[in-house]
Protein backbone atom coordinates (compact mmCIF):
# COMPACT_ATOMS: atom_id res chain seq x y z
CA UNK A 1 -0.01 0.01 0.00
CA UNK A 2 1.26 3.44 -0.88
CA UNK A 3 -1.15 6.30 -0.24
CA UNK A 4 -1.06 10.05 0.19
CA UNK A 5 -2.95 11.71 3.04
CA UNK A 6 -3.68 15.42 3.11
CA UNK A 7 -3.51 17.17 6.48
CA UNK A 8 -5.78 20.19 6.12
CA UNK A 9 -9.38 21.28 6.87
CA UNK A 10 -10.66 18.06 5.22
CA UNK A 11 -8.91 15.92 7.87
CA UNK A 12 -10.16 15.40 11.41
CA UNK A 13 -8.59 17.64 14.05
CA UNK A 14 -7.85 16.86 17.69
CA UNK A 15 -6.60 18.83 20.68
CA UNK A 16 -3.52 16.88 21.85
CA UNK A 17 -1.53 17.87 24.94
CA UNK A 18 1.10 19.12 22.47
CA UNK A 19 -1.42 21.33 20.62
CA UNK A 20 -4.29 21.09 18.17
CA UNK A 21 -3.51 19.19 14.98
CA UNK A 22 -5.06 17.58 11.98
CA UNK A 23 -4.75 13.83 12.48
CA UNK A 24 -4.94 10.57 10.55
CA UNK A 25 -5.50 7.22 12.26
CA UNK A 26 -4.64 3.74 10.97
CA UNK A 27 -5.45 0.22 12.16
CA UNK A 28 -2.57 -2.23 11.72
CA UNK A 29 -2.97 -6.01 11.43
CA UNK A 30 -2.06 -7.88 14.61
CA UNK A 31 -1.34 -11.17 12.79
CA UNK A 32 1.43 -9.85 10.53
CA UNK A 33 4.93 -11.24 11.00
CA UNK A 34 6.70 -8.15 9.65
CA UNK A 35 5.53 -4.93 8.01
CA UNK A 36 7.85 -2.24 6.76
CA UNK A 37 6.23 1.19 7.17
CA UNK A 38 7.56 4.40 5.69
CA UNK A 39 6.06 7.77 6.56
CA UNK A 40 7.22 10.66 4.37
CA UNK A 41 6.11 14.27 4.38
CA UNK A 42 6.40 16.31 1.17
CA UNK A 43 8.42 19.51 1.35
CA UNK A 44 6.95 22.25 -0.82
CA UNK A 45 6.63 25.91 0.25
CA UNK A 46 6.19 24.50 3.77
CA UNK A 47 6.29 21.08 5.43
CA UNK A 48 4.05 19.15 7.87
CA UNK A 49 6.47 17.65 10.42
CA UNK A 50 4.89 14.47 11.80
CA UNK A 51 4.75 12.87 15.18
CA UNK A 52 3.69 9.22 14.95
CA UNK A 53 2.12 7.43 17.93
CA UNK A 54 1.72 3.65 18.14
CA UNK A 55 -0.92 2.12 20.40
CA UNK A 56 -1.58 -1.46 21.49
CA UNK A 57 -5.08 -3.04 21.26
CA UNK A 58 -5.87 -1.62 24.75
CA UNK A 59 -5.17 1.91 23.43
CA UNK A 60 -2.01 2.29 25.52
CA UNK A 61 0.88 4.19 23.95
CA UNK A 62 3.64 1.74 22.99
CA UNK A 63 6.03 4.03 21.09
CA UNK A 64 6.27 7.55 19.70
CA UNK A 65 8.33 8.77 16.79
CA UNK A 66 9.27 12.39 17.42
CA UNK A 67 9.80 15.02 14.70
CA UNK A 68 13.56 14.58 15.25
CA UNK A 69 13.22 10.95 14.09
CA UNK A 70 12.35 12.18 10.58
CA UNK A 71 15.32 12.57 8.26
CA UNK A 72 15.58 15.04 5.36
CA UNK A 73 15.87 13.31 1.98
CA UNK A 74 16.79 15.58 -0.98
CA UNK A 75 14.78 15.45 -4.18
CA UNK A 76 15.51 12.43 -6.40
CA UNK A 77 14.30 11.67 -9.90
CA UNK A 78 10.58 12.54 -9.90
CA UNK A 79 10.18 12.73 -6.12
CA UNK A 80 10.65 16.07 -4.36
CA UNK A 81 12.32 16.80 -1.03
CA UNK A 82 10.82 14.88 1.91
CA UNK A 83 11.13 14.22 5.62
CA UNK A 84 11.09 10.43 6.14
CA UNK A 85 11.03 7.79 8.83
CA UNK A 86 11.07 4.03 8.19
CA UNK A 87 10.43 1.26 10.69
CA UNK A 88 9.44 -2.38 10.92
CA UNK A 89 6.45 -3.64 12.90
CA UNK A 90 6.57 -7.29 13.98
CA UNK A 91 3.30 -7.96 15.79
CA UNK A 92 3.31 -11.76 15.46
CA UNK A 93 6.27 -12.19 17.82
CA UNK A 94 5.52 -9.29 20.17
CA UNK A 95 4.03 -9.60 23.66
CA UNK A 96 0.36 -8.55 23.71
CA UNK A 97 1.09 -5.27 25.52
CA UNK A 98 3.71 -4.37 22.86
CA UNK A 99 1.67 -5.28 19.77
CA UNK A 100 0.93 -2.26 17.61
CA UNK A 101 -2.73 -2.09 16.66
CA UNK A 102 -3.12 1.62 15.86
CA UNK A 103 -0.96 4.35 14.37
CA UNK A 104 -1.74 8.08 14.67
CA UNK A 105 -0.01 10.77 12.61
CA UNK A 106 -0.23 14.41 13.70
CA UNK A 107 2.02 17.41 14.39
CA UNK A 108 2.76 19.50 17.45
CA UNK A 109 2.74 23.23 18.19
CA UNK A 110 6.48 23.01 18.87
CA UNK A 111 7.19 21.29 15.54
CA UNK A 112 5.27 23.98 13.69
CA UNK A 113 7.64 26.65 15.02
CA UNK A 114 10.67 25.17 13.25
CA UNK A 115 12.24 25.22 9.82
CA UNK A 116 13.97 22.60 7.69
CA UNK A 117 17.01 23.45 5.56
CA UNK A 118 16.83 21.88 2.11
CA UNK A 119 19.42 21.70 -0.65
CA UNK A 120 18.91 24.50 -3.16
CA UNK A 121 17.46 23.12 -6.44
CA UNK A 122 20.31 24.75 -8.45
CA UNK A 123 22.84 22.82 -6.33
CA UNK A 124 20.90 19.58 -6.87
CA UNK A 125 20.84 20.19 -10.64
CA UNK A 126 24.57 20.95 -10.73
CA UNK A 127 25.35 17.78 -8.82
CA UNK A 128 23.14 15.69 -11.15
CA UNK A 129 24.80 17.33 -14.18
CA UNK A 130 28.32 16.77 -12.87
CA UNK A 131 29.10 20.47 -12.64
CA UNK A 132 30.27 22.63 -9.76
CA UNK A 133 27.36 23.67 -7.55
CA UNK A 134 26.74 27.43 -7.32
CA UNK A 135 27.70 29.21 -4.10
CA UNK A 136 24.16 30.08 -2.97
CA UNK A 137 22.34 29.67 0.32
CA UNK A 138 20.13 26.66 0.89
CA UNK A 139 16.50 27.67 1.61
CA UNK A 140 14.81 27.26 4.99
CA UNK A 141 11.33 25.76 4.66
CA UNK A 142 8.86 26.71 7.41
CA UNK A 143 7.00 23.98 9.26
CA UNK A 144 3.21 24.11 9.06
CA UNK A 145 -0.06 22.66 10.39
CA UNK A 146 -0.93 21.41 6.90
CA UNK A 147 0.74 19.25 4.27
CA UNK A 148 0.78 15.91 2.49
CA UNK A 149 2.08 12.73 4.09
CA UNK A 150 2.64 9.49 2.19
CA UNK A 151 2.32 6.20 4.07
CA UNK A 152 3.83 3.14 2.41
CA UNK A 153 3.31 -0.30 3.93
CA UNK A 154 5.10 -3.40 2.67
CA UNK A 155 3.89 -6.74 4.02
CA UNK A 156 5.94 -9.94 4.32
CA UNK A 157 9.34 -8.32 4.05
CA UNK A 158 12.46 -10.41 3.39
CA UNK A 159 13.73 -12.99 5.89
CA UNK A 160 16.93 -10.99 6.45
CA UNK A 161 14.94 -7.94 7.50
CA UNK A 162 12.69 -10.12 9.71
CA UNK A 163 15.70 -11.61 11.46
CA UNK A 164 17.24 -8.21 12.04
CA UNK A 165 13.96 -6.88 13.37
CA UNK A 166 13.56 -9.82 15.76
CA UNK A 167 17.05 -9.36 17.11
CA UNK A 168 16.38 -5.69 17.76
CA UNK A 169 13.02 -6.52 19.32
CA UNK A 170 14.71 -8.25 22.18
CA UNK A 171 17.07 -5.37 22.76
CA UNK A 172 14.50 -2.60 22.43
CA UNK A 173 11.48 -4.33 23.96
CA UNK A 174 9.26 -2.93 21.18
CA UNK A 175 7.68 -4.69 18.20
CA UNK A 176 9.43 -2.50 15.64
CA UNK A 177 12.79 -1.22 14.51
CA UNK A 178 13.48 2.26 13.15
CA UNK A 179 15.39 1.81 9.88
CA UNK A 180 16.54 5.34 8.96
């Protein structure tokens, strides 16, 4: 599954302790051995900087990805600049209290106050063309309450990734591994 979600007046809004935000909620399968999940936020004239909460079937918070967990990825081919986080959910082997049943994506008042530095498009073009990049400042993109987030879910990932995830599970005590 690969789907875009718009965070604007068409999305539900909720007053979190960290501020009011548009929010999207997802139910994850509890019987999946391993799911790779990528959350990426498109950088345009501004960027929605996500916080991602994971809840167990009893609606208890299991894990939170903070805005600082999202990594800037420069534009490539036909995809623009993004902020991305990747992780693996392994519910089949997790203890019941650590299984991830729900995922919430939203932003915080604090995150909206920041900016993200991106590589200037002229520098990206020069690099792709094999020429010397111009000596110009990279733009700062303001964070915003609105934006577009893409969620990509890959089921039944490779055995190598499953093994790595299971090893990390023991160390972390959570049913997923951050892969950025």
